[in-house]
Amino acid sequence: MRALCLVQELMSRERVHAACAAAGWQCADGDAPQVRWDGIDVVFADLGEENAWVRETLATRPPAVRLFAWYPHVRGDLREAGRVLRADVIVPRSRFFRDPLPLLRSVTAGETIAD
């Protein structure tokens, strides 16, 4: 699978890359408002980051590109924002950081997870 990481915070971005490597996925960073979706299977986003361009970019995501997003557990409004963005996986940040590999496998299996 080919992943796109729209995460600005370095530690979170490194965790995404490490999880993707462990799953055997390719992962590239996206840091510009103009994202090329060709060949991308899944996109990662931290909804807790206050980057308007990330949400604007996610709104242009083709239906075939799965969205894996997380949010601070105290921000239920961001969980709802993930649902509006049609997130396939939307979990609290702590769940993603605790053990991301099973969550990545759920993406591969086509499952939807919303916590």
N, C-alpha and C. Protein backbone atom coordinates (compact mmCIF):
# COMPACT_ATOMS: atom_id res chain seq x y z
N MET A 1 0.84 -1.18 0.00
CA MET A 1 0.00 0.00 0.00
C MET A 1 0.88 1.24 0.00
N ARG A 2 0.35 2.28 -0.60
CA ARG A 2 1.06 3.56 -0.62
C ARG A 2 0.30 4.55 0.25
N ALA A 3 1.02 5.14 1.20
CA ALA A 3 0.41 6.05 2.16
C ALA A 3 0.96 7.46 2.00
N LEU A 4 0.12 8.41 2.35
CA LEU A 4 0.49 9.81 2.38
C LEU A 4 0.29 10.31 3.80
N CYS A 5 1.30 10.94 4.36
CA CYS A 5 1.27 11.42 5.73
C CYS A 5 1.11 12.94 5.73
N LEU A 6 -0.06 13.41 6.18
CA LEU A 6 -0.32 14.84 6.28
C LEU A 6 -0.21 15.29 7.74
N VAL A 7 0.87 14.91 8.37
CA VAL A 7 1.09 15.19 9.79
C VAL A 7 2.31 16.09 9.91
N GLN A 8 2.15 17.20 10.59
CA GLN A 8 3.24 18.17 10.71
C GLN A 8 4.16 17.90 11.90
N GLU A 9 3.60 17.44 13.02
CA GLU A 9 4.39 17.25 14.23
C GLU A 9 5.36 16.08 14.02
N LEU A 10 6.63 16.33 14.27
CA LEU A 10 7.69 15.39 13.94
C LEU A 10 7.53 14.02 14.59
N MET A 11 7.27 13.96 15.89
CA MET A 11 7.16 12.66 16.57
C MET A 11 6.00 11.84 15.99
N SER A 12 4.88 12.48 15.75
CA SER A 12 3.73 11.77 15.18
C SER A 12 4.04 11.29 13.78
N ARG A 13 4.69 12.14 13.00
CA ARG A 13 5.05 11.77 11.64
C ARG A 13 5.99 10.58 11.63
N GLU A 14 6.96 10.56 12.55
CA GLU A 14 7.88 9.43 12.65
C GLU A 14 7.16 8.15 13.03
N ARG A 15 6.17 8.25 13.90
CA ARG A 15 5.39 7.07 14.27
C ARG A 15 4.61 6.53 13.08
N VAL A 16 4.06 7.43 12.28
CA VAL A 16 3.34 6.99 11.07
C VAL A 16 4.30 6.26 10.15
N HIS A 17 5.47 6.83 9.91
CA HIS A 17 6.44 6.20 9.02
C HIS A 17 6.90 4.84 9.56
N ALA A 18 7.13 4.75 10.86
CA ALA A 18 7.55 3.48 11.46
C ALA A 18 6.45 2.43 11.35
N ALA A 19 5.22 2.82 11.60
CA ALA A 19 4.10 1.87 11.49
C ALA A 19 3.93 1.40 10.04
N CYS A 20 4.05 2.32 9.11
CA CYS A 20 3.94 1.95 7.70
C CYS A 20 5.05 0.99 7.30
N ALA A 21 6.27 1.26 7.74
CA ALA A 21 7.39 0.37 7.43
C ALA A 21 7.15 -1.02 8.01
N ALA A 22 6.64 -1.07 9.25
CA ALA A 22 6.37 -2.36 9.89
C ALA A 22 5.29 -3.14 9.15
N ALA A 23 4.36 -2.41 8.52
CA ALA A 23 3.29 -3.06 7.76
C ALA A 23 3.70 -3.37 6.33
N GLY A 24 4.90 -2.92 5.94
CA GLY A 24 5.37 -3.15 4.57
C GLY A 24 4.80 -2.16 3.57
N TRP A 25 4.37 -1.00 4.05
CA TRP A 25 3.81 0.03 3.19
C TRP A 25 4.87 1.06 2.83
N GLN A 26 4.66 1.75 1.74
CA GLN A 26 5.45 2.92 1.38
C GLN A 26 4.75 4.13 1.95
N CYS A 27 5.50 5.10 2.44
CA CYS A 27 4.90 6.29 3.04
C CYS A 27 5.67 7.52 2.63
N ALA A 28 4.95 8.54 2.18
CA ALA A 28 5.55 9.82 1.80
C ALA A 28 4.85 10.93 2.57
N ASP A 29 5.58 12.02 2.78
CA ASP A 29 5.00 13.17 3.46
C ASP A 29 4.34 14.10 2.45
N GLY A 30 3.24 14.67 2.87
CA GLY A 30 2.57 15.69 2.07
C GLY A 30 2.55 16.96 2.88
N ASP A 31 3.15 18.01 2.37
CA ASP A 31 3.23 19.24 3.15
C ASP A 31 2.87 20.47 2.34
N ALA A 32 2.10 20.28 1.33
CA ALA A 32 1.67 21.41 0.52
C ALA A 32 0.17 21.30 0.27
N PRO A 33 -0.49 22.43 0.09
CA PRO A 33 -1.92 22.40 -0.13
C PRO A 33 -2.34 21.60 -1.38
N GLN A 34 -1.47 21.48 -2.34
CA GLN A 34 -1.79 20.76 -3.57
C GLN A 34 -1.23 19.34 -3.49
N VAL A 35 -2.10 18.40 -3.16
CA VAL A 35 -1.69 17.00 -3.03
C VAL A 35 -2.09 16.25 -4.29
N ARG A 36 -1.18 15.43 -4.78
CA ARG A 36 -1.48 14.55 -5.91
C ARG A 36 -1.94 13.21 -5.34
N TRP A 37 -3.16 12.85 -5.64
CA TRP A 37 -3.76 11.64 -5.08
C TRP A 37 -3.46 10.39 -5.90
N ASP A 38 -2.87 10.54 -7.08
CA ASP A 38 -2.59 9.38 -7.94
C ASP A 38 -1.72 8.38 -7.20
N GLY A 39 -2.17 7.12 -7.15
CA GLY A 39 -1.39 6.05 -6.55
C GLY A 39 -1.42 5.99 -5.04
N ILE A 40 -2.17 6.86 -4.38
CA ILE A 40 -2.26 6.86 -2.92
C ILE A 40 -3.42 5.97 -2.50
N ASP A 41 -3.16 5.04 -1.56
CA ASP A 41 -4.20 4.15 -1.05
C ASP A 41 -4.81 4.64 0.26
N VAL A 42 -3.97 5.27 1.09
CA VAL A 42 -4.43 5.72 2.41
C VAL A 42 -3.70 7.01 2.78
N VAL A 43 -4.42 7.88 3.48
CA VAL A 43 -3.82 9.12 3.94
C VAL A 43 -3.97 9.18 5.46
N PHE A 44 -2.91 9.64 6.14
CA PHE A 44 -2.88 9.78 7.59
C PHE A 44 -2.99 11.25 7.95
N ALA A 45 -3.83 11.55 8.97
CA ALA A 45 -3.97 12.94 9.40
C ALA A 45 -4.23 13.00 10.90
N ASP A 46 -3.58 13.97 11.55
CA ASP A 46 -3.83 14.27 12.96
C ASP A 46 -4.80 15.44 12.98
N LEU A 47 -6.05 15.18 13.31
CA LEU A 47 -7.07 16.23 13.29
C LEU A 47 -6.88 17.24 14.41
N GLY A 48 -6.01 16.94 15.35
CA GLY A 48 -5.71 17.87 16.43
C GLY A 48 -4.77 18.99 16.00
N GLU A 49 -4.11 18.82 14.89
CA GLU A 49 -3.23 19.88 14.38
C GLU A 49 -4.10 20.96 13.77
N GLU A 50 -3.79 22.18 14.08
CA GLU A 50 -4.59 23.30 13.59
C GLU A 50 -4.07 23.80 12.25
N ASN A 51 -4.16 22.96 11.24
CA ASN A 51 -3.73 23.31 9.90
C ASN A 51 -4.93 23.28 8.97
N ALA A 52 -5.41 24.44 8.60
CA ALA A 52 -6.60 24.52 7.75
C ALA A 52 -6.37 23.82 6.42
N TRP A 53 -5.14 23.89 5.89
CA TRP A 53 -4.89 23.28 4.58
C TRP A 53 -5.04 21.76 4.63
N VAL A 54 -4.77 21.15 5.79
CA VAL A 54 -4.93 19.70 5.89
C VAL A 54 -6.40 19.33 5.72
N ARG A 55 -7.28 20.02 6.41
CA ARG A 55 -8.71 19.73 6.28
C ARG A 55 -9.20 20.03 4.87
N GLU A 56 -8.72 21.12 4.29
CA GLU A 56 -9.10 21.43 2.91
C GLU A 56 -8.62 20.34 1.96
N THR A 57 -7.42 19.86 2.19
CA THR A 57 -6.86 18.79 1.35
C THR A 57 -7.66 17.51 1.52
N LEU A 58 -8.00 17.18 2.77
CA LEU A 58 -8.76 15.96 3.02
C LEU A 58 -10.15 16.03 2.37
N ALA A 59 -10.69 17.21 2.28
CA ALA A 59 -12.00 17.37 1.65
C ALA A 59 -11.96 17.06 0.16
N THR A 60 -10.78 17.08 -0.44
CA THR A 60 -10.64 16.77 -1.88
C THR A 60 -10.26 15.31 -2.12
N ARG A 61 -10.17 14.55 -1.05
CA ARG A 61 -9.72 13.15 -1.15
C ARG A 61 -10.70 12.34 -1.98
N PRO A 62 -10.18 11.61 -2.98
CA PRO A 62 -11.06 10.73 -3.76
C PRO A 62 -11.63 9.62 -2.88
N PRO A 63 -12.83 9.14 -3.18
CA PRO A 63 -13.47 8.11 -2.36
C PRO A 63 -12.64 6.83 -2.19
N ALA A 64 -11.81 6.51 -3.16
CA ALA A 64 -11.02 5.27 -3.08
C ALA A 64 -9.85 5.38 -2.11
N VAL A 65 -9.46 6.59 -1.73
CA VAL A 65 -8.34 6.79 -0.80
C VAL A 65 -8.89 6.76 0.62
N ARG A 66 -8.42 5.80 1.39
CA ARG A 66 -8.91 5.64 2.76
C ARG A 66 -8.25 6.67 3.68
N LEU A 67 -9.02 7.14 4.65
CA LEU A 67 -8.53 8.14 5.61
C LEU A 67 -8.35 7.50 6.97
N PHE A 68 -7.14 7.62 7.50
CA PHE A 68 -6.77 7.15 8.84
C PHE A 68 -6.47 8.41 9.64
N ALA A 69 -7.34 8.72 10.61
CA ALA A 69 -7.17 9.97 11.36
C ALA A 69 -7.25 9.71 12.85
N TRP A 70 -6.63 10.60 13.61
CA TRP A 70 -6.73 10.55 15.06
C TRP A 70 -6.92 11.95 15.59
N TYR A 71 -7.32 12.01 16.87
CA TYR A 71 -7.67 13.28 17.49
C TYR A 71 -7.35 13.20 18.99
N PRO A 72 -7.19 14.35 19.66
CA PRO A 72 -7.01 14.32 21.11
C PRO A 72 -8.30 13.80 21.76
N HIS A 73 -8.18 12.90 22.73
CA HIS A 73 -9.35 12.25 23.31
C HIS A 73 -10.35 13.23 23.94
N VAL A 74 -9.91 14.42 24.28
CA VAL A 74 -10.81 15.41 24.89
C VAL A 74 -11.56 16.25 23.86
N ARG A 75 -11.34 15.97 22.59
CA ARG A 75 -11.94 16.79 21.52
C ARG A 75 -12.92 15.97 20.69
N GLY A 76 -14.08 15.70 21.26
CA GLY A 76 -15.12 14.97 20.54
C GLY A 76 -15.54 15.67 19.26
N ASP A 77 -15.40 17.00 19.22
CA ASP A 77 -15.74 17.74 18.01
C ASP A 77 -14.84 17.33 16.85
N LEU A 78 -13.59 16.98 17.15
CA LEU A 78 -12.69 16.55 16.08
C LEU A 78 -13.01 15.14 15.62
N ARG A 79 -13.50 14.30 16.52
CA ARG A 79 -13.98 12.98 16.10
C ARG A 79 -15.13 13.16 15.11
N GLU A 80 -16.02 14.08 15.41
CA GLU A 80 -17.13 14.35 14.50
C GLU A 80 -16.63 14.93 13.18
N ALA A 81 -15.61 15.77 13.24
CA ALA A 81 -15.02 16.31 12.01
C ALA A 81 -14.47 15.18 11.15
N GLY A 82 -13.87 14.18 11.79
CA GLY A 82 -13.36 13.02 11.05
C GLY A 82 -14.48 12.26 10.38
N ARG A 83 -15.60 12.16 11.04
CA ARG A 83 -16.75 11.47 10.42
C ARG A 83 -17.26 12.26 9.22
N VAL A 84 -17.30 13.58 9.35
CA VAL A 84 -17.72 14.42 8.23
C VAL A 84 -16.77 14.24 7.05
N LEU A 85 -15.49 14.06 7.35
CA LEU A 85 -14.48 13.85 6.30
C LEU A 85 -14.47 12.41 5.78
N ARG A 86 -15.38 11.58 6.24
CA ARG A 86 -15.51 10.18 5.81
C ARG A 86 -14.28 9.35 6.20
N ALA A 87 -13.80 9.56 7.43
CA ALA A 87 -12.63 8.80 7.89
C ALA A 87 -12.99 7.32 8.00
N ASP A 88 -12.11 6.48 7.51
CA ASP A 88 -12.27 5.03 7.61
C ASP A 88 -11.84 4.55 8.99
N VAL A 89 -10.81 5.18 9.53
CA VAL A 89 -10.35 4.92 10.88
C VAL A 89 -10.23 6.28 11.56
N ILE A 90 -10.97 6.46 12.66
CA ILE A 90 -10.89 7.68 13.46
C ILE A 90 -10.83 7.26 14.92
N VAL A 91 -9.65 7.43 15.52
CA VAL A 91 -9.41 6.95 16.89
C VAL A 91 -8.71 8.04 17.70
N PRO A 92 -8.80 7.95 19.02
CA PRO A 92 -8.02 8.87 19.85
C PRO A 92 -6.52 8.68 19.60
N ARG A 93 -5.79 9.75 19.73
CA ARG A 93 -4.33 9.72 19.50
C ARG A 93 -3.67 8.61 20.33
N SER A 94 -4.08 8.47 21.58
CA SER A 94 -3.44 7.47 22.45
C SER A 94 -3.61 6.06 21.90
N ARG A 95 -4.74 5.76 21.31
CA ARG A 95 -4.95 4.42 20.74
C ARG A 95 -4.02 4.19 19.55
N PHE A 96 -3.87 5.20 18.72
CA PHE A 96 -2.96 5.05 17.58
C PHE A 96 -1.53 4.86 18.06
N PHE A 97 -1.09 5.67 19.03
CA PHE A 97 0.29 5.59 19.49
C PHE A 97 0.57 4.32 20.27
N ARG A 98 -0.42 3.77 20.95
CA ARG A 98 -0.21 2.57 21.76
C ARG A 98 0.15 1.37 20.90
N ASP A 99 -0.59 1.15 19.82
CA ASP A 99 -0.34 -0.03 18.98
C ASP A 99 -0.93 0.21 17.59
N PRO A 100 -0.21 0.87 16.72
CA PRO A 100 -0.78 1.23 15.42
C PRO A 100 -0.91 0.08 14.43
N LEU A 101 -0.11 -0.96 14.56
CA LEU A 101 -0.09 -2.00 13.53
C LEU A 101 -1.45 -2.69 13.33
N PRO A 102 -2.16 -3.08 14.39
CA PRO A 102 -3.48 -3.68 14.15
C PRO A 102 -4.44 -2.72 13.44
N LEU A 103 -4.31 -1.43 13.73
CA LEU A 103 -5.17 -0.45 13.06
C LEU A 103 -4.82 -0.36 11.57
N LEU A 104 -3.53 -0.43 11.25
CA LEU A 104 -3.13 -0.42 9.85
C LEU A 104 -3.63 -1.67 9.14
N ARG A 105 -3.58 -2.79 9.83
CA ARG A 105 -4.09 -4.03 9.22
C ARG A 105 -5.58 -3.92 8.94
N SER A 106 -6.31 -3.21 9.79
CA SER A 106 -7.75 -3.04 9.56
C SER A 106 -7.98 -2.23 8.28
N VAL A 107 -7.10 -1.28 8.00
CA VAL A 107 -7.22 -0.50 6.76
C VAL A 107 -7.01 -1.44 5.57
N THR A 108 -6.01 -2.27 5.65
CA THR A 108 -5.73 -3.23 4.57
C THR A 108 -6.92 -4.16 4.35
N ALA A 109 -7.58 -4.54 5.43
CA ALA A 109 -8.73 -5.45 5.34
C ALA A 109 -10.01 -4.75 4.91
N GLY A 110 -9.96 -3.42 4.79
CA GLY A 110 -11.15 -2.68 4.38
C GLY A 110 -12.13 -2.41 5.50
N GLU A 111 -11.69 -2.59 6.74
CA GLU A 111 -12.56 -2.35 7.89
C GLU A 111 -12.67 -0.86 8.19
N THR A 112 -13.73 -0.49 8.88
CA THR A 112 -13.93 0.87 9.34
C THR A 112 -13.93 0.84 10.87
N ILE A 113 -13.20 1.76 11.49
CA ILE A 113 -13.11 1.84 12.95
C ILE A 113 -13.39 3.28 13.36
N ALA A 114 -14.31 3.47 14.25
CA ALA A 114 -14.59 4.81 14.79
C ALA A 114 -14.73 4.69 16.30
N ASP A 115 -13.79 5.30 17.02
CA ASP A 115 -13.83 5.33 18.49
C ASP A 115 -14.17 6.72 18.95
